[in-house]
C-alpha atoms as a PDB file:
ATOM      1  CA  UNK A   1       0.000   0.000   0.000  1.00  0.00           C
ATOM      2  CA  UNK A   2       1.570   3.278  -1.086  1.00  0.00           C
ATOM      3  CA  UNK A   3       0.359   6.843  -0.710  1.00  0.00           C
ATOM      4  CA  UNK A   4      -1.028   8.304  -3.915  1.00  0.00           C
ATOM      5  CA  UNK A   5       0.508  11.684  -4.672  1.00  0.00           C
ATOM      6  CA  UNK A   6      -2.250  12.681  -7.084  1.00  0.00           C
ATOM      7  CA  UNK A   7      -4.725  13.923  -4.478  1.00  0.00           C
ATOM      8  CA  UNK A   8      -3.442  15.287  -1.159  1.00  0.00           C
ATOM      9  CA  UNK A   9      -6.984  15.192   0.305  1.00  0.00           C
ATOM     10  CA  UNK A  10     -10.310  13.772  -0.898  1.00  0.00           C
ATOM     11  CA  UNK A  11     -13.711  13.790   0.715  1.00  0.00           C
ATOM     12  CA  UNK A  12     -15.308  10.355   1.205  1.00  0.00           C
ATOM     13  CA  UNK A  13     -17.817  11.188  -1.538  1.00  0.00           C
ATOM     14  CA  UNK A  14     -15.094  12.191  -4.018  1.00  0.00           C
ATOM     15  CA  UNK A  15     -13.123   9.041  -3.169  1.00  0.00           C
ATOM     16  CA  UNK A  16     -16.109   6.764  -3.744  1.00  0.00           C
ATOM     17  CA  UNK A  17     -16.895   8.423  -7.071  1.00  0.00           C
ATOM     18  CA  UNK A  18     -13.267   8.259  -8.268  1.00  0.00           C
ATOM     19  CA  UNK A  19     -12.931   4.634  -7.173  1.00  0.00           C
ATOM     20  CA  UNK A  20     -15.855   3.614  -9.415  1.00  0.00           C
ATOM     21  CA  UNK A  21     -13.753   4.463 -12.483  1.00  0.00           C
ATOM     22  CA  UNK A  22     -10.234   3.774 -11.222  1.00  0.00           C
ATOM     23  CA  UNK A  23      -8.193   1.063 -12.915  1.00  0.00           C
ATOM     24  CA  UNK A  24      -6.458   0.408  -9.583  1.00  0.00           C
ATOM     25  CA  UNK A  25      -7.928  -0.022  -6.112  1.00  0.00           C
ATOM     26  CA  UNK A  26      -7.156   2.480  -3.369  1.00  0.00           C
ATOM     27  CA  UNK A  27      -7.794   2.376   0.339  1.00  0.00           C
ATOM     28  CA  UNK A  28      -8.905   5.602   1.985  1.00  0.00           C
ATOM     29  CA  UNK A  29      -7.590   6.770   5.336  1.00  0.00           C
ATOM     30  CA  UNK A  30      -8.860  10.098   6.629  1.00  0.00           C
ATOM     31  CA  UNK A  31      -8.822  11.921   3.319  1.00  0.00           C
ATOM     32  CA  UNK A  32      -5.728  10.327   1.788  1.00  0.00           C
ATOM     33  CA  UNK A  33      -5.741   7.484  -0.711  1.00  0.00           C
ATOM     34  CA  UNK A  34      -3.292   4.596  -0.837  1.00  0.00           C
ATOM     35  CA  UNK A  35      -2.755   2.417  -3.903  1.00  0.00           C
ATOM     36  CA  UNK A  36      -3.203  -1.322  -3.416  1.00  0.00           C
ATOM     37  CA  UNK A  37      -0.505  -3.658  -4.700  1.00  0.00           C
ATOM     38  CA  UNK A  38      -1.033  -6.829  -6.708  1.00  0.00           C
ATOM     39  CA  UNK A  39      -1.366 -10.257  -5.124  1.00  0.00           C
ATOM     40  CA  UNK A  40       0.796 -13.379  -5.390  1.00  0.00           C
ATOM     41  CA  UNK A  41      -0.360 -16.778  -6.636  1.00  0.00           C
ATOM     42  CA  UNK A  42      -0.549 -18.079  -3.055  1.00  0.00           C
ATOM     43  CA  UNK A  43      -2.587 -15.055  -1.941  1.00  0.00           C
ATOM     44  CA  UNK A  44      -5.122 -15.467  -4.735  1.00  0.00           C
ATOM     45  CA  UNK A  45      -5.321 -19.258  -4.302  1.00  0.00           C
ATOM     46  CA  UNK A  46      -5.954 -19.008  -0.552  1.00  0.00           C
ATOM     47  CA  UNK A  47      -8.592 -16.320  -1.071  1.00  0.00           C
ATOM     48  CA  UNK A  48     -10.312 -18.358  -3.800  1.00  0.00           C
ATOM     49  CA  UNK A  49     -10.306 -21.503  -1.660  1.00  0.00           C
ATOM     50  CA  UNK A  50     -11.912 -19.656   1.241  1.00  0.00           C
ATOM     51  CA  UNK A  51     -14.493 -17.972  -0.960  1.00  0.00           C
ATOM     52  CA  UNK A  52     -15.546 -21.379  -2.277  1.00  0.00           C
ATOM     53  CA  UNK A  53     -15.744 -22.942   1.185  1.00  0.00           C
ATOM     54  CA  UNK A  54     -17.569 -20.017   2.769  1.00  0.00           C
ATOM     55  CA  UNK A  55     -19.960 -19.372  -0.127  1.00  0.00           C
ATOM     56  CA  UNK A  56     -21.188 -22.954  -0.008  1.00  0.00           C
ATOM     57  CA  UNK A  57     -21.670 -22.640   3.750  1.00  0.00           C
ATOM     58  CA  UNK A  58     -23.621 -19.335   3.780  1.00  0.00           C
ATOM     59  CA  UNK A  59     -25.761 -20.011   0.694  1.00  0.00           C
ATOM     60  CA  UNK A  60     -29.423 -19.571   1.603  1.00  0.00           C
ATOM     61  CA  UNK A  61     -28.736 -18.137   5.085  1.00  0.00           C
ATOM     62  CA  UNK A  62     -29.101 -14.435   4.297  1.00  0.00           C
ATOM     63  CA  UNK A  63     -25.381 -13.840   4.823  1.00  0.00           C
ATOM     64  CA  UNK A  64     -23.588 -11.953   2.068  1.00  0.00           C
ATOM     65  CA  UNK A  65     -20.001 -12.818   1.186  1.00  0.00           C
ATOM     66  CA  UNK A  66     -17.760 -10.300  -0.580  1.00  0.00           C
ATOM     67  CA  UNK A  67     -14.236 -10.785  -1.838  1.00  0.00           C
ATOM     68  CA  UNK A  68     -11.412  -8.369  -2.679  1.00  0.00           C
ATOM     69  CA  UNK A  69     -13.474  -5.631  -4.360  1.00  0.00           C
ATOM     70  CA  UNK A  70     -15.919  -4.644  -1.619  1.00  0.00           C
ATOM     71  CA  UNK A  71     -14.872  -1.906   0.765  1.00  0.00           C
ATOM     72  CA  UNK A  72     -15.382  -1.968   4.532  1.00  0.00           C
ATOM     73  CA  UNK A  73     -16.296   1.483   5.809  1.00  0.00           C
ATOM     74  CA  UNK A  74     -15.240   2.544   9.282  1.00  0.00           C
ATOM     75  CA  UNK A  75     -17.287   5.701   9.487  1.00  0.00           C
ATOM     76  CA  UNK A  76     -16.135   6.783  12.956  1.00  0.00           C
ATOM     77  CA  UNK A  77     -12.537   6.971  11.681  1.00  0.00           C
ATOM     78  CA  UNK A  78     -13.256   8.151   8.103  1.00  0.00           C
ATOM     79  CA  UNK A  79     -11.663   5.028   6.589  1.00  0.00           C
ATOM     80  CA  UNK A  80     -12.395   2.631   3.722  1.00  0.00           C
ATOM     81  CA  UNK A  81     -10.416  -0.627   3.482  1.00  0.00           C
ATOM     82  CA  UNK A  82     -10.562  -3.458   0.936  1.00  0.00           C
ATOM     83  CA  UNK A  83     -10.449  -6.685   2.974  1.00  0.00           C
ATOM     84  CA  UNK A  84      -9.740  -9.914   1.125  1.00  0.00           C
ATOM     85  CA  UNK A  85     -13.041 -11.340   2.389  1.00  0.00           C
ATOM     86  CA  UNK A  86     -15.912  -9.626   4.182  1.00  0.00           C
ATOM     87  CA  UNK A  87     -19.110 -11.286   5.433  1.00  0.00           C
ATOM     88  CA  UNK A  88     -22.216  -9.478   6.633  1.00  0.00           C
ATOM     89  CA  UNK A  89     -25.662 -10.633   7.616  1.00  0.00           C
ATOM     90  CA  UNK A  90     -26.815  -7.211   8.791  1.00  0.00           C
ATOM     91  CA  UNK A  91     -29.795  -6.032   6.730  1.00  0.00           C
ATOM     92  CA  UNK A  92     -28.618  -2.414   7.012  1.00  0.00           C
ATOM     93  CA  UNK A  93     -25.780  -3.245   4.609  1.00  0.00           C
ATOM     94  CA  UNK A  94     -28.190  -3.925   1.735  1.00  0.00           C
ATOM     95  CA  UNK A  95     -28.557  -0.203   1.045  1.00  0.00           C
ATOM     96  CA  UNK A  96     -24.808   0.359   0.520  1.00  0.00           C
ATOM     97  CA  UNK A  97     -23.728  -0.509  -3.019  1.00  0.00           C
ATOM     98  CA  UNK A  98     -19.979   0.214  -2.903  1.00  0.00           C
ATOM     99  CA  UNK A  99     -19.097  -0.489   0.741  1.00  0.00           C
ATOM    100  CA  UNK A 100     -20.392  -2.320   3.815  1.00  0.00           C
ATOM    101  CA  UNK A 101     -20.535  -0.919   7.345  1.00  0.00           C
ATOM    102  CA  UNK A 102     -21.708  -3.874   9.446  1.00  0.00           C
ATOM    103  CA  UNK A 103     -19.531  -6.941   8.803  1.00  0.00           C
ATOM    104  CA  UNK A 104     -19.440  -9.859  11.239  1.00  0.00           C
ATOM    105  CA  UNK A 105     -16.258 -11.360   9.738  1.00  0.00           C
ATOM    106  CA  UNK A 106     -13.229  -9.891   7.972  1.00  0.00           C
ATOM    107  CA  UNK A 107     -10.399 -12.004   6.565  1.00  0.00           C
ATOM    108  CA  UNK A 108      -7.021 -10.743   5.365  1.00  0.00           C
ATOM    109  CA  UNK A 109      -4.426 -12.910   3.618  1.00  0.00           C
ATOM    110  CA  UNK A 110      -1.099 -11.574   4.802  1.00  0.00           C
ATOM    111  CA  UNK A 111       1.519 -10.264   2.403  1.00  0.00           C
ATOM    112  CA  UNK A 112       5.108  -9.517   3.398  1.00  0.00           C
ATOM    113  CA  UNK A 113       4.591  -5.819   2.635  1.00  0.00           C
ATOM    114  CA  UNK A 114       1.298  -5.482   4.560  1.00  0.00           C
ATOM    115  CA  UNK A 115       1.532  -7.956   7.458  1.00  0.00           C
ATOM    116  CA  UNK A 116       2.645  -5.436  10.086  1.00  0.00           C
ATOM    117  CA  UNK A 117      -0.116  -3.004   9.075  1.00  0.00           C
ATOM    118  CA  UNK A 118      -2.785  -5.755   8.957  1.00  0.00           C
ATOM    119  CA  UNK A 119      -1.793  -6.967  12.439  1.00  0.00           C
ATOM    120  CA  UNK A 120      -1.388  -3.469  13.870  1.00  0.00           C
ATOM    121  CA  UNK A 121      -3.148  -0.281  12.822  1.00  0.00           C
ATOM    122  CA  UNK A 122      -5.655  -1.946  10.499  1.00  0.00           C
ATOM    123  CA  UNK A 123      -6.762  -4.342  13.241  1.00  0.00           C
ATOM    124  CA  UNK A 124      -7.096  -1.436  15.672  1.00  0.00           C
ATOM    125  CA  UNK A 125      -9.223   0.391  13.088  1.00  0.00           C
ATOM    126  CA  UNK A 126     -11.427  -2.649  12.414  1.00  0.00           C
ATOM    127  CA  UNK A 127     -12.159  -2.910  16.139  1.00  0.00           C
ATOM    128  CA  UNK A 128     -14.281   0.236  15.745  1.00  0.00           C
ATOM    129  CA  UNK A 129     -16.837  -1.879  13.826  1.00  0.00           C
ATOM    130  CA  UNK A 130     -19.327  -2.843  16.526  1.00  0.00           C
ATOM    131  CA  UNK A 131     -20.743  -5.761  14.521  1.00  0.00           C
ATOM    132  CA  UNK A 132     -17.338  -7.329  13.842  1.00  0.00           C
ATOM    133  CA  UNK A 133     -17.051 -10.629  15.701  1.00  0.00           C
ATOM    134  CA  UNK A 134     -13.940 -12.156  14.101  1.00  0.00           C
ATOM    135  CA  UNK A 135     -10.838 -10.839  12.342  1.00  0.00           C
ATOM    136  CA  UNK A 136      -8.821 -13.556  10.604  1.00  0.00           C
ATOM    137  CA  UNK A 137      -5.217 -13.290   9.382  1.00  0.00           C
ATOM    138  CA  UNK A 138      -3.925 -15.999   7.062  1.00  0.00           C
ATOM    139  CA  UNK A 139      -0.254 -16.584   6.320  1.00  0.00           C
ATOM    140  CA  UNK A 140       0.683 -17.324   2.729  1.00  0.00           C
ATOM    141  CA  UNK A 141       4.158 -18.610   3.620  1.00  0.00           C
ATOM    142  CA  UNK A 142       3.091 -21.511   5.893  1.00  0.00           C
ATOM    143  CA  UNK A 143      -0.065 -23.164   7.211  1.00  0.00           C
ATOM    144  CA  UNK A 144      -0.904 -20.673   9.949  1.00  0.00           C
ATOM    145  CA  UNK A 145      -4.175 -18.847  10.664  1.00  0.00           C
ATOM    146  CA  UNK A 146      -4.715 -16.359  13.489  1.00  0.00           C
ATOM    147  CA  UNK A 147      -8.340 -15.676  14.393  1.00  0.00           C
ATOM    148  CA  UNK A 148      -9.074 -12.775  16.709  1.00  0.00           C
ATOM    149  CA  UNK A 149     -12.517 -13.293  18.246  1.00  0.00           C
ATOM    150  CA  UNK A 150     -14.462 -10.723  20.284  1.00  0.00           C
ATOM    151  CA  UNK A 151     -15.650 -12.308  23.531  1.00  0.00           C
ATOM    152  CA  UNK A 152     -18.733 -11.498  25.619  1.00  0.00           C
ATOM    153  CA  UNK A 153     -16.815  -8.753  27.462  1.00  0.00           C
ATOM    154  CA  UNK A 154     -15.827  -7.102  24.173  1.00  0.00           C
ATOM    155  CA  UNK A 155     -12.171  -8.182  24.428  1.00  0.00           C
ATOM    156  CA  UNK A 156     -10.338  -9.682  21.479  1.00  0.00           C
ATOM    157  CA  UNK A 157      -8.995 -13.196  22.075  1.00  0.00           C
ATOM    158  CA  UNK A 158      -6.458 -14.842  19.749  1.00  0.00           C
ATOM    159  CA  UNK A 159      -7.081 -18.379  18.494  1.00  0.00           C
ATOM    160  CA  UNK A 160      -4.170 -19.719  16.419  1.00  0.00           C
ATOM    161  CA  UNK A 161      -4.421 -22.658  14.046  1.00  0.00           C
ATOM    162  CA  UNK A 162      -1.571 -24.420  12.255  1.00  0.00           C
ATOM    163  CA  UNK A 163      -0.811 -27.297   9.921  1.00  0.00           C
ATOM    164  CA  UNK A 164      -3.657 -29.809   9.767  1.00  0.00           C
ATOM    165  CA  UNK A 165      -5.860 -28.280  12.475  1.00  0.00           C
ATOM    166  CA  UNK A 166      -9.462 -27.224  11.899  1.00  0.00           C
ATOM    167  CA  UNK A 167     -10.267 -23.534  11.682  1.00  0.00           C
ATOM    168  CA  UNK A 168     -13.387 -22.535  13.623  1.00  0.00           C
ATOM    169  CA  UNK A 169     -15.328 -19.400  12.680  1.00  0.00           C
ATOM    170  CA  UNK A 170     -17.920 -18.919  15.395  1.00  0.00           C
ATOM    171  CA  UNK A 171     -19.500 -15.906  13.653  1.00  0.00           C
ATOM    172  CA  UNK A 172     -20.705 -18.213  10.850  1.00  0.00           C
ATOM    173  CA  UNK A 173     -20.869 -21.536  12.710  1.00  0.00           C
ATOM    174  CA  UNK A 174     -18.270 -22.745  10.204  1.00  0.00           C
ATOM    175  CA  UNK A 175     -15.299 -25.100  10.382  1.00  0.00           C
ATOM    176  CA  UNK A 176     -12.810 -26.377   7.822  1.00  0.00           C
ATOM    177  CA  UNK A 177      -9.345 -27.885   7.807  1.00  0.00           C
ATOM    178  CA  UNK A 178      -6.324 -25.749   7.067  1.00  0.00           C
ATOM    179  CA  UNK A 179      -5.522 -28.313   4.386  1.00  0.00           C
ATOM    180  CA  UNK A 180      -8.626 -27.151   2.505  1.00  0.00           C
ATOM    181  CA  UNK A 181      -7.671 -23.492   2.877  1.00  0.00           C
ATOM    182  CA  UNK A 182      -4.170 -24.151   1.534  1.00  0.00           C
ATOM    183  CA  UNK A 183      -5.183 -26.541  -1.267  1.00  0.00           C
ATOM    184  CA  UNK A 184      -2.946 -26.033  -4.351  1.00  0.00           C
ATOM    185  CA  UNK A 185      -0.619 -23.614  -2.505  1.00  0.00           C
ATOM    186  CA  UNK A 186       3.030 -24.411  -3.098  1.00  0.00           C
ATOM    187  CA  UNK A 187       5.079 -23.050  -0.233  1.00  0.00           C
ATOM    188  CA  UNK A 188       8.299 -23.424  -2.213  1.00  0.00           C
ATOM    189  CA  UNK A 189       6.973 -20.661  -4.489  1.00  0.00           C
ATOM    190  CA  UNK A 190       5.892 -18.299  -1.741  1.00  0.00           C
ATOM    191  CA  UNK A 191       7.914 -15.498  -0.206  1.00  0.00           C
ATOM    192  CA  UNK A 192      11.040 -16.558   1.663  1.00  0.00           C
ATOM    193  CA  UNK A 193      12.524 -13.725   3.781  1.00  0.00           C
ATOM    194  CA  UNK A 194      16.019 -15.213   3.460  1.00  0.00           C
ATOM    195  CA  UNK A 195      15.931 -14.946  -0.335  1.00  0.00           C
ATOM    196  CA  UNK A 196      16.908 -11.763  -2.117  1.00  0.00           C
END
């Protein structure tokens, strides 16, 4: 994610209108826009696998599943992010065509260039969404999934899954093996921090 130098400040309305016609996606943070980078084979494969698994699970339930191109709006902070996967079952979201405000689940597939931001400031920002029950971070370099789940006291609790364990998503009453999430992902082709 890199800061766009074309517009030093945009209103949310101007951003949404510009984004309709933009060839590239941009996230919006308090008036500034940031260009999104492309995704690796592993990133796209993991996202596609999860979309398939989750879509089959939520079909007919009233839940809506969105992938990569739907924005999450955090109105209290004046922010729009593009999560890899967003799920909402809140009927208030039906009226928003280009973003959703009431997700129950957000999933991000981690990239080397965005992992620190996804785990840090972005997670802090997402916590402003009162309907958000789970925030899931998926490694693309090894079988590892971190699920942050909001408990009854409103605190975020980390549940980590690795290798052949079963991921549990309480917000959707969903479970699947990490093997299914990582199907067709070749770790030899993914990012290795020791390589130049």
